[in-house]
């Protein structure tokens, strides 16, 4: 993937940041470009620093440093980046209004198949008086847990991008433009984890609530006049890993419906339904009354990053995905075996 195309994709893509309230800032930088510029920040970064996405993207993170920033901390980060290894520092940064703040920063590489870093991701948590306990651990959000989740989930997403079945520039750009949406879906999962008390990564998440937030965000971001969206979801508490994978599959499915089901229609209906099954497990249905899949076209398709991502996510769920061509539109049924008692 070319760095400039990736940067442009992040600059131009509208994301649904208003729906996420995670208190941990997430930053992605692109070491394949000159000076390792920022290519993505989440809304927590904007709230913490006061710098907008438009101002931040395309710049090296050093613009957050100032007079009270310890040069030794900066040197530690610079050495870790050069050595392509993880580093954690407590450092003084500066907000857009010039005021300093103290924050814990973790930076780690995401490696490509050639062993070279394709991204560096940074997690930033502002430190306050209550965060400085005797064991020097952050209270509330567990930054290490989130770090492990981000590394795992980003690697899963980026694997699908690193296996292009076709390499024309327009297709590559379109698939890269979906990356912020996928990152925002992950952010909603992490936030739901925190809100339900699963900050250790071992708790359970209410799938109905999570998918309601994910689908509402996509409908807000990608919906248009004439397209109605309806959702009903039963409560189903599942593990974080299952919740992450299902949320990503639903995100890809709804994105596909909003963007392709009604290209020749002015009006239509998309529905998300989440139900628990009497025999155990959960069923997710995404349906539309649009034009339907063309004859001979399969979904998910290995030709596109989204299709490869869905297939990879399914492998980790032991789930069944069925795509039905109705009299009008398409119905996607996802059955996931889940034991709700464990």
Protein backbone atom coordinates (compact mmCIF):
# COMPACT_ATOMS: atom_id res chain seq x y z
CA UNK A 1 0.00 0.00 0.00
CA UNK A 2 1.27 3.47 -0.77
CA UNK A 3 1.64 5.90 2.12
CA UNK A 4 0.21 8.89 0.29
CA UNK A 5 -2.94 7.03 -0.68
CA UNK A 6 -3.40 5.96 2.93
CA UNK A 7 -2.96 9.49 4.22
CA UNK A 8 -5.45 10.84 1.70
CA UNK A 9 -7.96 8.19 2.70
CA UNK A 10 -7.81 9.22 6.34
CA UNK A 11 -7.98 12.91 5.52
CA UNK A 12 -11.06 12.66 3.33
CA UNK A 13 -13.07 10.01 5.15
CA UNK A 14 -15.94 11.13 7.42
CA UNK A 15 -16.12 9.00 10.57
CA UNK A 16 -18.78 8.70 13.24
CA UNK A 17 -16.62 9.94 16.12
CA UNK A 18 -19.52 11.62 17.94
CA UNK A 19 -20.81 8.20 18.95
CA UNK A 20 -17.69 7.10 20.83
CA UNK A 21 -16.58 8.35 24.23
CA UNK A 22 -13.54 6.20 25.00
CA UNK A 23 -11.20 8.09 27.33
CA UNK A 24 -8.07 6.59 25.79
CA UNK A 25 -6.61 8.41 22.81
CA UNK A 26 -5.68 6.24 19.83
CA UNK A 27 -3.23 7.45 17.20
CA UNK A 28 -1.89 5.72 14.09
CA UNK A 29 1.22 6.90 12.28
CA UNK A 30 2.63 5.75 8.94
CA UNK A 31 6.39 5.02 9.01
CA UNK A 32 6.38 4.39 5.24
CA UNK A 33 5.98 8.13 4.72
CA UNK A 34 8.55 10.84 5.38
CA UNK A 35 8.66 11.87 9.04
CA UNK A 36 6.19 9.17 10.15
CA UNK A 37 3.04 11.38 10.06
CA UNK A 38 -0.25 10.81 11.84
CA UNK A 39 -2.87 9.13 9.64
CA UNK A 40 -5.63 8.57 12.20
CA UNK A 41 -6.74 9.93 15.58
CA UNK A 42 -9.89 9.08 17.50
CA UNK A 43 -12.26 11.53 19.14
CA UNK A 44 -10.63 11.03 22.57
CA UNK A 45 -7.43 12.47 21.10
CA UNK A 46 -9.34 15.52 19.90
CA UNK A 47 -10.97 16.02 23.30
CA UNK A 48 -7.74 15.54 25.25
CA UNK A 49 -5.42 17.65 23.11
CA UNK A 50 -7.82 20.17 21.59
CA UNK A 51 -6.39 19.43 18.15
CA UNK A 52 -8.86 18.37 15.45
CA UNK A 53 -8.32 15.53 12.99
CA UNK A 54 -7.86 18.04 10.18
CA UNK A 55 -5.04 19.78 12.08
CA UNK A 56 -3.38 16.58 13.34
CA UNK A 57 -3.35 14.30 10.31
CA UNK A 58 -0.24 14.62 8.16
CA UNK A 59 1.94 15.90 11.03
CA UNK A 60 4.53 14.16 13.18
CA UNK A 61 3.44 13.74 16.81
CA UNK A 62 6.19 16.05 18.02
CA UNK A 63 3.85 19.03 17.69
CA UNK A 64 2.42 17.93 21.07
CA UNK A 65 5.76 18.59 22.79
CA UNK A 66 6.69 21.84 24.49
CA UNK A 67 8.92 23.61 26.97
CA UNK A 68 8.34 21.23 29.89
CA UNK A 69 8.61 18.04 27.84
CA UNK A 70 11.59 16.04 29.14
CA UNK A 71 14.10 15.47 26.34
CA UNK A 72 15.00 12.10 27.89
CA UNK A 73 11.44 10.88 27.32
CA UNK A 74 11.57 12.07 23.72
CA UNK A 75 14.90 10.29 23.20
CA UNK A 76 13.45 7.05 24.60
CA UNK A 77 10.55 7.22 22.15
CA UNK A 78 12.81 8.07 19.22
CA UNK A 79 15.13 5.14 20.02
CA UNK A 80 12.20 2.73 20.30
CA UNK A 81 10.77 3.83 16.95
CA UNK A 82 14.16 3.40 15.30
CA UNK A 83 14.48 -0.08 16.84
CA UNK A 84 10.87 -0.94 15.90
CA UNK A 85 9.96 -1.92 19.44
CA UNK A 86 7.31 -1.04 22.00
CA UNK A 87 7.86 1.75 24.52
CA UNK A 88 5.90 3.23 27.44
CA UNK A 89 6.58 6.68 28.89
CA UNK A 90 4.90 9.19 31.19
CA UNK A 91 5.42 12.45 29.35
CA UNK A 92 4.37 16.10 29.42
CA UNK A 93 2.48 17.16 26.29
CA UNK A 94 0.66 20.35 25.39
CA UNK A 95 -2.92 21.05 24.38
CA UNK A 96 -3.86 23.30 21.49
CA UNK A 97 -4.48 26.17 23.93
CA UNK A 98 -0.90 25.90 25.22
CA UNK A 99 -1.58 24.27 28.59
CA UNK A 100 0.59 21.28 29.56
CA UNK A 101 -0.82 17.93 30.68
CA UNK A 102 0.80 14.74 31.94
CA UNK A 103 -0.05 11.50 30.17
CA UNK A 104 0.96 7.88 29.91
CA UNK A 105 1.88 6.95 26.35
CA UNK A 106 2.35 3.50 24.86
CA UNK A 107 3.74 3.21 21.34
CA UNK A 108 3.97 -0.13 19.53
CA UNK A 109 4.57 -1.27 15.95
CA UNK A 110 2.16 -3.18 13.71
CA UNK A 111 4.28 -5.33 11.42
CA UNK A 112 3.61 -6.33 7.82
CA UNK A 113 4.36 -9.70 6.29
CA UNK A 114 7.85 -8.53 5.34
CA UNK A 115 8.71 -7.89 8.98
CA UNK A 116 8.67 -4.11 8.57
CA UNK A 117 6.26 -1.87 10.51
CA UNK A 118 3.29 -0.71 8.42
CA UNK A 119 1.95 1.42 11.28
CA UNK A 120 2.89 2.58 14.73
CA UNK A 121 -0.05 2.93 17.06
CA UNK A 122 -0.04 5.08 20.15
CA UNK A 123 -2.33 4.88 23.17
CA UNK A 124 -2.49 7.96 25.38
CA UNK A 125 -4.19 8.29 28.77
CA UNK A 126 -4.11 11.61 30.60
CA UNK A 127 -2.84 11.21 34.17
CA UNK A 128 -4.48 13.07 37.03
CA UNK A 129 -3.83 13.18 40.78
CA UNK A 130 -6.01 10.13 41.42
CA UNK A 131 -4.05 8.11 38.86
CA UNK A 132 -0.87 8.18 40.92
CA UNK A 133 -1.39 5.37 43.43
CA UNK A 134 1.31 3.57 45.34
CA UNK A 135 1.71 0.94 42.63
CA UNK A 136 1.88 3.61 39.89
CA UNK A 137 -0.95 2.01 37.92
CA UNK A 138 -3.67 3.87 36.09
CA UNK A 139 -7.05 3.62 37.77
CA UNK A 140 -10.19 3.06 35.68
CA UNK A 141 -9.13 2.21 32.14
CA UNK A 142 -6.57 -0.56 31.89
CA UNK A 143 -4.22 0.75 29.25
CA UNK A 144 -2.31 -2.50 28.89
CA UNK A 145 -5.49 -4.47 28.18
CA UNK A 146 -6.56 -1.96 25.54
CA UNK A 147 -3.07 -2.08 24.04
CA UNK A 148 -3.24 -5.86 23.66
CA UNK A 149 -6.71 -5.63 22.13
CA UNK A 150 -5.67 -2.93 19.66
CA UNK A 151 -2.60 -4.90 18.57
CA UNK A 152 -4.66 -8.05 18.04
CA UNK A 153 -7.58 -6.41 16.30
CA UNK A 154 -5.54 -4.05 14.13
CA UNK A 155 -3.42 -6.94 12.94
CA UNK A 156 -6.62 -8.80 12.00
CA UNK A 157 -7.90 -5.84 9.98
CA UNK A 158 -4.60 -5.02 8.32
CA UNK A 159 -4.09 -8.62 7.23
CA UNK A 160 -7.12 -8.27 4.95
CA UNK A 161 -5.68 -5.07 3.46
CA UNK A 162 -2.27 -6.62 2.84
CA UNK A 163 -3.70 -9.35 0.58
CA UNK A 164 -5.02 -7.47 -2.46
CA UNK A 165 -6.69 -9.73 -4.98
CA UNK A 166 -6.79 -6.85 -7.43
CA UNK A 167 -4.46 -3.90 -7.35
CA UNK A 168 -6.04 -1.05 -9.26
CA UNK A 169 -5.62 2.30 -7.53
CA UNK A 170 -9.34 3.10 -7.19
CA UNK A 171 -10.14 -0.20 -5.45
CA UNK A 172 -7.16 0.16 -3.12
CA UNK A 173 -8.20 3.68 -2.18
CA UNK A 174 -11.81 2.66 -1.57
CA UNK A 175 -10.76 -0.14 0.75
CA UNK A 176 -8.36 2.11 2.64
CA UNK A 177 -11.14 4.65 3.13
CA UNK A 178 -13.03 2.00 5.12
CA UNK A 179 -10.23 1.65 7.65
CA UNK A 180 -11.38 4.55 9.90
CA UNK A 181 -14.87 3.02 10.07
CA UNK A 182 -13.36 -0.28 11.16
CA UNK A 183 -11.26 1.45 13.78
CA UNK A 184 -14.30 3.31 15.11
CA UNK A 185 -16.18 0.00 15.36
CA UNK A 186 -13.34 -1.37 17.48
CA UNK A 187 -13.46 1.73 19.63
CA UNK A 188 -17.16 1.18 20.35
CA UNK A 189 -16.33 -2.39 21.43
CA UNK A 190 -13.63 -1.17 23.81
CA UNK A 191 -15.94 1.47 25.23
CA UNK A 192 -18.71 -1.05 25.81
CA UNK A 193 -16.15 -3.26 27.56
CA UNK A 194 -15.28 -0.40 29.92
CA UNK A 195 -18.90 0.58 30.57
CA UNK A 196 -19.87 -2.98 31.51
CA UNK A 197 -16.98 -3.39 33.93
CA UNK A 198 -14.92 -5.66 31.71
CA UNK A 199 -11.79 -3.50 31.78
CA UNK A 200 -9.68 -6.59 32.39
CA UNK A 201 -10.69 -7.95 28.98
CA UNK A 202 -12.31 -11.04 30.52
CA UNK A 203 -15.79 -9.68 31.17
CA UNK A 204 -18.84 -10.03 28.97
CA UNK A 205 -20.49 -7.51 26.68
CA UNK A 206 -24.18 -7.16 25.88
CA UNK A 207 -24.22 -7.86 22.16
CA UNK A 208 -27.60 -6.21 21.61
CA UNK A 209 -26.46 -2.90 23.08
CA UNK A 210 -23.14 -3.01 21.23
CA UNK A 211 -24.66 -3.77 17.83
CA UNK A 212 -27.30 -1.10 18.40
CA UNK A 213 -24.55 1.50 18.82
CA UNK A 214 -22.49 0.19 15.90
CA UNK A 215 -25.49 0.13 13.55
CA UNK A 216 -26.74 3.56 14.64
CA UNK A 217 -23.32 5.02 13.95
CA UNK A 218 -23.19 3.51 10.46
CA UNK A 219 -26.77 4.58 9.68
CA UNK A 220 -25.92 8.13 10.77
CA UNK A 221 -22.71 8.23 8.75
CA UNK A 222 -23.81 6.41 5.59
CA UNK A 223 -27.61 6.72 5.47
CA UNK A 224 -29.44 9.03 3.08
CA UNK A 225 -32.92 10.40 2.52
CA UNK A 226 -35.44 7.74 1.56
CA UNK A 227 -33.59 4.84 3.22
CA UNK A 228 -35.21 3.71 6.48
CA UNK A 229 -33.23 1.78 9.07
CA UNK A 230 -34.90 -0.40 11.70
CA UNK A 231 -33.23 -2.39 14.46
CA UNK A 232 -34.40 -4.75 17.21
CA UNK A 233 -31.99 -6.53 19.52
CA UNK A 234 -32.45 -8.95 22.40
CA UNK A 235 -30.01 -8.97 25.28
CA UNK A 236 -27.17 -11.46 24.86
CA UNK A 237 -24.06 -11.31 27.04
CA UNK A 238 -21.05 -12.77 25.24
CA UNK A 239 -17.29 -12.73 25.55
CA UNK A 240 -15.27 -9.77 24.34
CA UNK A 241 -13.61 -11.75 21.54
CA UNK A 242 -16.97 -12.91 20.18
CA UNK A 243 -18.40 -9.41 20.52
CA UNK A 244 -15.48 -7.89 18.62
CA UNK A 245 -15.76 -10.32 15.72
CA UNK A 246 -19.54 -10.08 15.46
CA UNK A 247 -19.46 -6.27 15.61
CA UNK A 248 -16.93 -6.17 12.78
CA UNK A 249 -19.01 -8.55 10.63
CA UNK A 250 -22.17 -6.50 11.22
CA UNK A 251 -20.27 -3.31 10.40
CA UNK A 252 -19.10 -4.75 7.07
CA UNK A 253 -22.58 -6.11 6.27
CA UNK A 254 -24.42 -2.88 7.02
CA UNK A 255 -21.82 -0.82 5.17
CA UNK A 256 -22.35 -3.05 2.14
CA UNK A 257 -26.15 -2.68 2.37
CA UNK A 258 -26.15 1.11 2.73
CA UNK A 259 -23.68 1.60 -0.10
CA UNK A 260 -24.77 -0.99 -2.66
CA UNK A 261 -28.36 -2.14 -2.09
CA UNK A 262 -30.09 0.99 -3.40
CA UNK A 263 -27.87 2.43 -6.10
CA UNK A 264 -30.85 2.53 -8.51
CA UNK A 265 -33.59 3.19 -5.94
CA UNK A 266 -34.66 6.36 -4.15
CA UNK A 267 -36.35 4.55 -1.28
CA UNK A 268 -35.67 1.40 0.69
CA UNK A 269 -35.51 -0.33 4.04
CA UNK A 270 -32.64 -1.94 5.95
CA UNK A 271 -33.24 -3.98 9.08
CA UNK A 272 -30.96 -5.37 11.79
CA UNK A 273 -32.40 -8.02 14.08
CA UNK A 274 -30.55 -9.77 16.94
CA UNK A 275 -32.22 -12.77 18.62
CA UNK A 276 -31.12 -15.47 21.02
CA UNK A 277 -31.78 -19.02 19.85
CA UNK A 278 -33.67 -21.52 22.01
CA UNK A 279 -31.03 -24.15 21.33
CA UNK A 280 -28.22 -21.83 22.38
CA UNK A 281 -26.42 -19.16 20.46
CA UNK A 282 -27.40 -15.95 18.75
CA UNK A 283 -28.74 -15.09 15.30
CA UNK A 284 -28.03 -11.77 13.59
CA UNK A 285 -30.06 -10.86 10.52
CA UNK A 286 -29.31 -7.95 8.21
CA UNK A 287 -31.87 -7.55 5.44
CA UNK A 288 -32.75 -5.01 2.78
CA UNK A 289 -35.42 -4.65 0.10
CA UNK A 290 -33.04 -3.25 -2.48
CA UNK A 291 -31.80 -4.48 -5.82
CA UNK A 292 -30.31 -7.73 -4.51
CA UNK A 293 -27.03 -9.36 -5.37
CA UNK A 294 -26.40 -9.76 -9.10
CA UNK A 295 -26.55 -13.30 -10.42
CA UNK A 296 -23.23 -15.06 -10.06
CA UNK A 297 -21.90 -12.63 -7.46
CA UNK A 298 -20.95 -14.12 -4.09
CA UNK A 299 -20.67 -12.31 -0.76
CA UNK A 300 -18.38 -12.07 1.08
CA UNK A 301 -15.90 -11.98 -1.77
CA UNK A 302 -12.18 -12.67 -1.56
CA UNK A 303 -11.70 -9.91 -4.15
CA UNK A 304 -12.22 -7.19 -1.56
CA UNK A 305 -10.65 -6.44 1.81
CA UNK A 306 -14.06 -6.40 3.51
CA UNK A 307 -14.87 -9.87 2.22
CA UNK A 308 -11.52 -11.25 3.30
CA UNK A 309 -11.98 -9.66 6.71
CA UNK A 310 -15.45 -11.20 7.16
CA UNK A 311 -14.16 -14.65 6.20
CA UNK A 312 -11.30 -14.36 8.69
CA UNK A 313 -13.67 -13.21 11.43
CA UNK A 314 -16.00 -16.15 10.76
CA UNK A 315 -13.14 -18.63 11.18
CA UNK A 316 -12.65 -17.44 14.76
CA UNK A 317 -16.34 -17.79 15.63
CA UNK A 318 -17.26 -21.25 14.35
CA UNK A 319 -20.26 -19.40 12.93
CA UNK A 320 -22.52 -20.00 9.94
CA UNK A 321 -23.18 -17.25 7.42
CA UNK A 322 -25.96 -17.59 4.87
CA UNK A 323 -26.76 -15.05 2.17
CA UNK A 324 -30.24 -15.35 0.66
CA UNK A 325 -31.50 -13.58 -2.46
CA UNK A 326 -35.08 -12.67 -1.72
CA UNK A 327 -37.91 -11.60 -4.02
CA UNK A 328 -36.58 -8.13 -3.30
CA UNK A 329 -33.22 -7.44 -1.79
CA UNK A 330 -30.83 -9.56 0.24
CA UNK A 331 -30.96 -11.29 3.63
CA UNK A 332 -27.75 -12.07 5.52
CA UNK A 333 -28.10 -14.54 8.40
CA UNK A 334 -25.29 -15.06 10.89
CA UNK A 335 -25.69 -17.86 13.46
CA UNK A 336 -23.10 -17.92 16.23
CA UNK A 337 -22.93 -20.77 18.78
CA UNK A 338 -22.61 -19.10 22.19
CA UNK A 339 -22.89 -20.55 25.69
CA UNK A 340 -24.55 -17.79 27.70
CA UNK A 341 -23.96 -19.53 31.04
CA UNK A 342 -20.16 -19.50 31.03
